[in-house]
């Protein structure tokens, strides 16, 4: 997760928590993983962020055809 993305997601999560029950499931889908500049940012900041916010997370890449089917299944839940 890029630092800008993390800030945006923090704002979205705060908004969700204000309007929904405490047991709302938060799923973050990272797209375009093939364009990631630094694995280190995710390893240090991203994992901590996901843990602190009790969120589920997975990454996708259309270019490498990685996990795209999961995002479609989640969208249809």
PDB file of N, CA and C in Angstrom:
ATOM      1  N   UNK A   1       0.841  -1.181   0.000  1.00  0.00           N
ATOM      2  CA  UNK A   1       0.000   0.000   0.000  1.00  0.00           C
ATOM      3  C   UNK A   1       0.882   1.239   0.000  1.00  0.00           C
ATOM      4  N   UNK A   2       0.596   2.125  -0.885  1.00  0.00           N
ATOM      5  CA  UNK A   2       1.302   3.403  -0.919  1.00  0.00           C
ATOM      6  C   UNK A   2       0.793   4.264   0.239  1.00  0.00           C
ATOM      7  N   UNK A   3       1.611   5.175   0.715  1.00  0.00           N
ATOM      8  CA  UNK A   3       1.220   6.012   1.852  1.00  0.00           C
ATOM      9  C   UNK A   3      -0.021   6.848   1.558  1.00  0.00           C
ATOM     10  N   UNK A   4      -0.133   7.380   0.339  1.00  0.00           N
ATOM     11  CA  UNK A   4      -1.336   8.145  -0.024  1.00  0.00           C
ATOM     12  C   UNK A   4      -2.572   7.263   0.022  1.00  0.00           C
ATOM     13  N   UNK A   5      -2.431   6.045  -0.458  1.00  0.00           N
ATOM     14  CA  UNK A   5      -3.553   5.107  -0.452  1.00  0.00           C
ATOM     15  C   UNK A   5      -3.985   4.794   0.971  1.00  0.00           C
ATOM     16  N   UNK A   6      -3.027   4.637   1.854  1.00  0.00           N
ATOM     17  CA  UNK A   6      -3.349   4.336   3.249  1.00  0.00           C
ATOM     18  C   UNK A   6      -4.149   5.473   3.868  1.00  0.00           C
ATOM     19  N   UNK A   7      -3.767   6.701   3.603  1.00  0.00           N
ATOM     20  CA  UNK A   7      -4.523   7.846   4.131  1.00  0.00           C
ATOM     21  C   UNK A   7      -5.958   7.849   3.607  1.00  0.00           C
ATOM     22  N   UNK A   8      -6.120   7.575   2.322  1.00  0.00           N
ATOM     23  CA  UNK A   8      -7.468   7.520   1.748  1.00  0.00           C
ATOM     24  C   UNK A   8      -8.297   6.412   2.385  1.00  0.00           C
ATOM     25  N   UNK A   9      -7.696   5.249   2.549  1.00  0.00           N
ATOM     26  CA  UNK A   9      -8.421   4.121   3.137  1.00  0.00           C
ATOM     27  C   UNK A   9      -8.784   4.421   4.588  1.00  0.00           C
ATOM     28  N   UNK A  10      -7.891   5.078   5.330  1.00  0.00           N
ATOM     29  CA  UNK A  10      -8.210   5.469   6.715  1.00  0.00           C
ATOM     30  C   UNK A  10      -9.478   6.309   6.752  1.00  0.00           C
ATOM     31  N   UNK A  11      -9.571   7.262   5.856  1.00  0.00           N
ATOM     32  CA  UNK A  11     -10.762   8.122   5.809  1.00  0.00           C
ATOM     33  C   UNK A  11     -12.010   7.323   5.478  1.00  0.00           C
ATOM     34  N   UNK A  12     -11.905   6.403   4.528  1.00  0.00           N
ATOM     35  CA  UNK A  12     -13.062   5.580   4.155  1.00  0.00           C
ATOM     36  C   UNK A  12     -13.496   4.689   5.314  1.00  0.00           C
ATOM     37  N   UNK A  13     -12.523   4.095   6.006  1.00  0.00           N
ATOM     38  CA  UNK A  13     -12.847   3.225   7.139  1.00  0.00           C
ATOM     39  C   UNK A  13     -13.530   4.028   8.234  1.00  0.00           C
ATOM     40  N   UNK A  14     -13.031   5.210   8.533  1.00  0.00           N
ATOM     41  CA  UNK A  14     -13.679   6.067   9.534  1.00  0.00           C
ATOM     42  C   UNK A  14     -15.119   6.356   9.143  1.00  0.00           C
ATOM     43  N   UNK A  15     -15.343   6.637   7.887  1.00  0.00           N
ATOM     44  CA  UNK A  15     -16.692   6.917   7.392  1.00  0.00           C
ATOM     45  C   UNK A  15     -17.598   5.693   7.533  1.00  0.00           C
ATOM     46  N   UNK A  16     -17.067   4.527   7.202  1.00  0.00           N
ATOM     47  CA  UNK A  16     -17.842   3.282   7.331  1.00  0.00           C
ATOM     48  C   UNK A  16     -18.191   3.029   8.792  1.00  0.00           C
ATOM     49  N   UNK A  17     -17.228   3.206   9.682  1.00  0.00           N
ATOM     50  CA  UNK A  17     -17.451   2.942  11.106  1.00  0.00           C
ATOM     51  C   UNK A  17     -18.477   3.894  11.711  1.00  0.00           C
ATOM     52  N   UNK A  18     -18.532   5.114  11.218  1.00  0.00           N
ATOM     53  CA  UNK A  18     -19.513   6.081  11.719  1.00  0.00           C
ATOM     54  C   UNK A  18     -20.936   5.689  11.355  1.00  0.00           C
ATOM     55  N   UNK A  19     -21.107   5.035  10.226  1.00  0.00           N
ATOM     56  CA  UNK A  19     -22.446   4.779   9.685  1.00  0.00           C
ATOM     57  C   UNK A  19     -22.919   3.334   9.816  1.00  0.00           C
ATOM     58  N   UNK A  20     -22.068   2.440  10.290  1.00  0.00           N
ATOM     59  CA  UNK A  20     -22.402   1.023  10.301  1.00  0.00           C
ATOM     60  C   UNK A  20     -22.104   0.393  11.650  1.00  0.00           C
ATOM     61  N   UNK A  21     -22.678  -0.789  11.883  1.00  0.00           N
ATOM     62  CA  UNK A  21     -22.444  -1.477  13.151  1.00  0.00           C
ATOM     63  C   UNK A  21     -20.979  -1.887  13.319  1.00  0.00           C
ATOM     64  N   UNK A  22     -20.624  -2.165  14.572  1.00  0.00           N
ATOM     65  CA  UNK A  22     -19.243  -2.528  14.889  1.00  0.00           C
ATOM     66  C   UNK A  22     -18.785  -3.815  14.218  1.00  0.00           C
ATOM     67  N   UNK A  23     -19.728  -4.682  13.864  1.00  0.00           N
ATOM     68  CA  UNK A  23     -19.343  -5.963  13.279  1.00  0.00           C
ATOM     69  C   UNK A  23     -19.263  -5.925  11.749  1.00  0.00           C
ATOM     70  N   UNK A  24     -19.252  -4.738  11.171  1.00  0.00           N
ATOM     71  CA  UNK A  24     -19.130  -4.608   9.720  1.00  0.00           C
ATOM     72  C   UNK A  24     -17.758  -5.114   9.273  1.00  0.00           C
ATOM     73  N   UNK A  25     -17.759  -5.956   8.269  1.00  0.00           N
ATOM     74  CA  UNK A  25     -16.516  -6.516   7.742  1.00  0.00           C
ATOM     75  C   UNK A  25     -15.900  -5.529   6.753  1.00  0.00           C
ATOM     76  N   UNK A  26     -14.614  -5.282   6.932  1.00  0.00           N
ATOM     77  CA  UNK A  26     -13.899  -4.373   6.040  1.00  0.00           C
ATOM     78  C   UNK A  26     -12.929  -5.194   5.206  1.00  0.00           C
ATOM     79  N   UNK A  27     -13.081  -5.098   3.911  1.00  0.00           N
ATOM     80  CA  UNK A  27     -12.217  -5.806   2.975  1.00  0.00           C
ATOM     81  C   UNK A  27     -11.544  -4.777   2.074  1.00  0.00           C
ATOM     82  N   UNK A  28     -10.234  -4.811   2.067  1.00  0.00           N
ATOM     83  CA  UNK A  28      -9.455  -3.899   1.240  1.00  0.00           C
ATOM     84  C   UNK A  28      -8.841  -4.717   0.107  1.00  0.00           C
ATOM     85  N   UNK A  29      -9.082  -4.279  -1.112  1.00  0.00           N
ATOM     86  CA  UNK A  29      -8.527  -4.968  -2.272  1.00  0.00           C
ATOM     87  C   UNK A  29      -7.492  -4.057  -2.924  1.00  0.00           C
ATOM     88  N   UNK A  30      -6.259  -4.509  -2.929  1.00  0.00           N
ATOM     89  CA  UNK A  30      -5.184  -3.760  -3.573  1.00  0.00           C
ATOM     90  C   UNK A  30      -5.106  -4.137  -5.041  1.00  0.00           C
ATOM     91  N   UNK A  31      -5.271  -3.161  -5.916  1.00  0.00           N
ATOM     92  CA  UNK A  31      -5.241  -3.434  -7.351  1.00  0.00           C
ATOM     93  C   UNK A  31      -3.922  -2.972  -7.964  1.00  0.00           C
ATOM     94  N   UNK A  32      -3.675  -3.431  -9.157  1.00  0.00           N
ATOM     95  CA  UNK A  32      -2.482  -3.031  -9.920  1.00  0.00           C
ATOM     96  C   UNK A  32      -1.189  -3.283  -9.146  1.00  0.00           C
ATOM     97  N   UNK A  33      -1.105  -4.439  -8.519  1.00  0.00           N
ATOM     98  CA  UNK A  33       0.063  -4.786  -7.725  1.00  0.00           C
ATOM     99  C   UNK A  33       1.334  -4.771  -8.565  1.00  0.00           C
ATOM    100  N   UNK A  34       1.181  -5.039  -9.850  1.00  0.00           N
ATOM    101  CA  UNK A  34       2.346  -5.058 -10.733  1.00  0.00           C
ATOM    102  C   UNK A  34       3.002  -3.683 -10.856  1.00  0.00           C
ATOM    103  N   UNK A  35       2.305  -2.630 -10.456  1.00  0.00           N
ATOM    104  CA  UNK A  35       2.863  -1.277 -10.536  1.00  0.00           C
ATOM    105  C   UNK A  35       3.482  -0.808  -9.217  1.00  0.00           C
ATOM    106  N   UNK A  36       3.461  -1.658  -8.219  1.00  0.00           N
ATOM    107  CA  UNK A  36       3.983  -1.281  -6.903  1.00  0.00           C
ATOM    108  C   UNK A  36       5.458  -0.907  -7.005  1.00  0.00           C
ATOM    109  N   UNK A  37       5.795   0.190  -6.360  1.00  0.00           N
ATOM    110  CA  UNK A  37       7.175   0.674  -6.391  1.00  0.00           C
ATOM    111  C   UNK A  37       8.023   0.044  -5.294  1.00  0.00           C
ATOM    112  N   UNK A  38       7.408  -0.218  -4.155  1.00  0.00           N
ATOM    113  CA  UNK A  38       8.193  -0.696  -3.025  1.00  0.00           C
ATOM    114  C   UNK A  38       7.427  -1.727  -2.211  1.00  0.00           C
ATOM    115  N   UNK A  39       7.990  -2.893  -2.118  1.00  0.00           N
ATOM    116  CA  UNK A  39       7.416  -3.944  -1.273  1.00  0.00           C
ATOM    117  C   UNK A  39       7.566  -3.559   0.193  1.00  0.00           C
ATOM    118  N   UNK A  40       8.600  -2.782   0.503  1.00  0.00           N
ATOM    119  CA  UNK A  40       8.869  -2.404   1.884  1.00  0.00           C
ATOM    120  C   UNK A  40       7.737  -1.601   2.501  1.00  0.00           C
ATOM    121  N   UNK A  41       7.142  -0.705   1.738  1.00  0.00           N
ATOM    122  CA  UNK A  41       6.048   0.108   2.278  1.00  0.00           C
ATOM    123  C   UNK A  41       4.922  -0.798   2.728  1.00  0.00           C
ATOM    124  N   UNK A  42       4.569  -1.780   1.903  1.00  0.00           N
ATOM    125  CA  UNK A  42       3.501  -2.696   2.291  1.00  0.00           C
ATOM    126  C   UNK A  42       3.913  -3.513   3.501  1.00  0.00           C
ATOM    127  N   UNK A  43       5.110  -4.043   3.487  1.00  0.00           N
ATOM    128  CA  UNK A  43       5.550  -4.908   4.573  1.00  0.00           C
ATOM    129  C   UNK A  43       5.552  -4.189   5.918  1.00  0.00           C
ATOM    130  N   UNK A  44       5.924  -2.936   5.936  1.00  0.00           N
ATOM    131  CA  UNK A  44       6.002  -2.231   7.212  1.00  0.00           C
ATOM    132  C   UNK A  44       4.703  -1.522   7.565  1.00  0.00           C
ATOM    133  N   UNK A  45       4.210  -0.710   6.671  1.00  0.00           N
ATOM    134  CA  UNK A  45       3.045   0.128   6.957  1.00  0.00           C
ATOM    135  C   UNK A  45       1.739  -0.602   6.677  1.00  0.00           C
ATOM    136  N   UNK A  46       1.665  -1.267   5.549  1.00  0.00           N
ATOM    137  CA  UNK A  46       0.423  -1.915   5.128  1.00  0.00           C
ATOM    138  C   UNK A  46      -0.057  -2.991   6.076  1.00  0.00           C
ATOM    139  N   UNK A  47       0.819  -3.897   6.452  1.00  0.00           N
ATOM    140  CA  UNK A  47       0.419  -4.984   7.349  1.00  0.00           C
ATOM    141  C   UNK A  47      -0.017  -4.452   8.708  1.00  0.00           C
ATOM    142  N   UNK A  48       0.685  -3.473   9.220  1.00  0.00           N
ATOM    143  CA  UNK A  48       0.315  -2.872  10.501  1.00  0.00           C
ATOM    144  C   UNK A  48      -1.057  -2.210  10.396  1.00  0.00           C
ATOM    145  N   UNK A  49      -1.291  -1.508   9.313  1.00  0.00           N
ATOM    146  CA  UNK A  49      -2.562  -0.826   9.097  1.00  0.00           C
ATOM    147  C   UNK A  49      -3.722  -1.820   9.059  1.00  0.00           C
ATOM    148  N   UNK A  50      -3.545  -2.908   8.345  1.00  0.00           N
ATOM    149  CA  UNK A  50      -4.589  -3.924   8.227  1.00  0.00           C
ATOM    150  C   UNK A  50      -4.894  -4.535   9.590  1.00  0.00           C
ATOM    151  N   UNK A  51      -3.861  -4.827  10.357  1.00  0.00           N
ATOM    152  CA  UNK A  51      -4.042  -5.401  11.687  1.00  0.00           C
ATOM    153  C   UNK A  51      -4.763  -4.430  12.611  1.00  0.00           C
ATOM    154  N   UNK A  52      -4.339  -3.182  12.627  1.00  0.00           N
ATOM    155  CA  UNK A  52      -4.955  -2.176  13.499  1.00  0.00           C
ATOM    156  C   UNK A  52      -6.431  -1.958  13.181  1.00  0.00           C
ATOM    157  N   UNK A  53      -6.798  -2.077  11.925  1.00  0.00           N
ATOM    158  CA  UNK A  53      -8.175  -1.811  11.507  1.00  0.00           C
ATOM    159  C   UNK A  53      -9.018  -3.071  11.370  1.00  0.00           C
ATOM    160  N   UNK A  54      -8.454  -4.207  11.766  1.00  0.00           N
ATOM    161  CA  UNK A  54      -9.171  -5.487  11.718  1.00  0.00           C
ATOM    162  C   UNK A  54      -9.812  -5.699  10.350  1.00  0.00           C
ATOM    163  N   UNK A  55      -9.028  -5.446   9.325  1.00  0.00           N
ATOM    164  CA  UNK A  55      -9.519  -5.552   7.949  1.00  0.00           C
ATOM    165  C   UNK A  55      -8.949  -6.798   7.280  1.00  0.00           C
ATOM    166  N   UNK A  56      -9.658  -7.265   6.292  1.00  0.00           N
ATOM    167  CA  UNK A  56      -9.156  -8.326   5.429  1.00  0.00           C
ATOM    168  C   UNK A  56      -8.546  -7.647   4.209  1.00  0.00           C
ATOM    169  N   UNK A  57      -7.560  -8.293   3.623  1.00  0.00           N
ATOM    170  CA  UNK A  57      -6.848  -7.665   2.516  1.00  0.00           C
ATOM    171  C   UNK A  57      -6.359  -8.716   1.533  1.00  0.00           C
ATOM    172  N   UNK A  58      -6.516  -8.432   0.255  1.00  0.00           N
ATOM    173  CA  UNK A  58      -5.819  -9.204  -0.760  1.00  0.00           C
ATOM    174  C   UNK A  58      -5.513  -8.303  -1.941  1.00  0.00           C
ATOM    175  N   UNK A  59      -4.578  -8.765  -2.755  1.00  0.00           N
ATOM    176  CA  UNK A  59      -4.111  -7.957  -3.875  1.00  0.00           C
ATOM    177  C   UNK A  59      -4.475  -8.615  -5.198  1.00  0.00           C
ATOM    178  N   UNK A  60      -4.652  -7.773  -6.207  1.00  0.00           N
ATOM    179  CA  UNK A  60      -4.945  -8.275  -7.545  1.00  0.00           C
ATOM    180  C   UNK A  60      -4.017  -7.626  -8.568  1.00  0.00           C
ATOM    181  N   UNK A  61      -3.897  -8.301  -9.688  1.00  0.00           N
ATOM    182  CA  UNK A  61      -3.158  -7.745 -10.822  1.00  0.00           C
ATOM    183  C   UNK A  61      -3.775  -8.301 -12.095  1.00  0.00           C
ATOM    184  N   UNK A  62      -4.379  -7.443 -12.882  1.00  0.00           N
ATOM    185  CA  UNK A  62      -4.927  -7.881 -14.167  1.00  0.00           C
ATOM    186  C   UNK A  62      -3.791  -8.289 -15.104  1.00  0.00           C
ATOM    187  N   UNK A  63      -2.704  -7.573 -15.020  1.00  0.00           N
ATOM    188  CA  UNK A  63      -1.560  -7.851 -15.900  1.00  0.00           C
ATOM    189  C   UNK A  63      -1.033  -9.272 -15.703  1.00  0.00           C
ATOM    190  N   UNK A  64      -0.907  -9.675 -14.426  1.00  0.00           N
ATOM    191  CA  UNK A  64      -0.388 -11.009 -14.122  1.00  0.00           C
ATOM    192  C   UNK A  64      -1.501 -12.021 -13.845  1.00  0.00           C
ATOM    193  N   UNK A  65      -2.735 -11.579 -14.003  1.00  0.00           N
ATOM    194  CA  UNK A  65      -3.908 -12.435 -13.755  1.00  0.00           C
ATOM    195  C   UNK A  65      -3.851 -13.051 -12.363  1.00  0.00           C
ATOM    196  N   UNK A  66      -3.641 -12.210 -11.405  1.00  0.00           N
ATOM    197  CA  UNK A  66      -3.479 -12.649 -10.021  1.00  0.00           C
ATOM    198  C   UNK A  66      -4.692 -12.243  -9.191  1.00  0.00           C
ATOM    199  N   UNK A  67      -5.410 -13.217  -8.672  1.00  0.00           N
ATOM    200  CA  UNK A  67      -6.538 -13.025  -7.746  1.00  0.00           C
ATOM    201  C   UNK A  67      -7.715 -12.250  -8.320  1.00  0.00           C
ATOM    202  N   UNK A  68      -7.793 -12.082  -9.605  1.00  0.00           N
ATOM    203  CA  UNK A  68      -8.909 -11.334 -10.182  1.00  0.00           C
ATOM    204  C   UNK A  68     -10.246 -12.011  -9.932  1.00  0.00           C
ATOM    205  N   UNK A  69     -10.267 -13.331  -9.928  1.00  0.00           N
ATOM    206  CA  UNK A  69     -11.518 -14.051  -9.711  1.00  0.00           C
ATOM    207  C   UNK A  69     -12.073 -13.802  -8.311  1.00  0.00           C
ATOM    208  N   UNK A  70     -11.202 -13.577  -7.325  1.00  0.00           N
ATOM    209  CA  UNK A  70     -11.666 -13.318  -5.968  1.00  0.00           C
ATOM    210  C   UNK A  70     -12.391 -11.982  -5.864  1.00  0.00           C
ATOM    211  N   UNK A  71     -11.868 -10.977  -6.533  1.00  0.00           N
ATOM    212  CA  UNK A  71     -12.526  -9.668  -6.465  1.00  0.00           C
ATOM    213  C   UNK A  71     -13.896  -9.726  -7.118  1.00  0.00           C
ATOM    214  N   UNK A  72     -14.061 -10.535  -8.144  1.00  0.00           N
ATOM    215  CA  UNK A  72     -15.374 -10.685  -8.776  1.00  0.00           C
ATOM    216  C   UNK A  72     -16.344 -11.418  -7.860  1.00  0.00           C
ATOM    217  N   UNK A  73     -15.859 -12.422  -7.147  1.00  0.00           N
ATOM    218  CA  UNK A  73     -16.718 -13.160  -6.217  1.00  0.00           C
ATOM    219  C   UNK A  73     -17.162 -12.262  -5.069  1.00  0.00           C
ATOM    220  N   UNK A  74     -16.257 -11.473  -4.540  1.00  0.00           N
ATOM    221  CA  UNK A  74     -16.591 -10.564  -3.442  1.00  0.00           C
ATOM    222  C   UNK A  74     -17.620  -9.549  -3.894  1.00  0.00           C
ATOM    223  N   UNK A  75     -17.482  -9.059  -5.104  1.00  0.00           N
ATOM    224  CA  UNK A  75     -18.408  -8.067  -5.637  1.00  0.00           C
ATOM    225  C   UNK A  75     -19.826  -8.611  -5.746  1.00  0.00           C
ATOM    226  N   UNK A  76     -19.963  -9.909  -5.881  1.00  0.00           N
ATOM    227  CA  UNK A  76     -21.280 -10.521  -6.042  1.00  0.00           C
ATOM    228  C   UNK A  76     -21.852 -11.076  -4.746  1.00  0.00           C
ATOM    229  N   UNK A  77     -21.259 -10.782  -3.620  1.00  0.00           N
ATOM    230  CA  UNK A  77     -21.752 -11.299  -2.335  1.00  0.00           C
ATOM    231  C   UNK A  77     -22.955 -10.526  -1.872  1.00  0.00           C
TER     232      UNK A  77
END
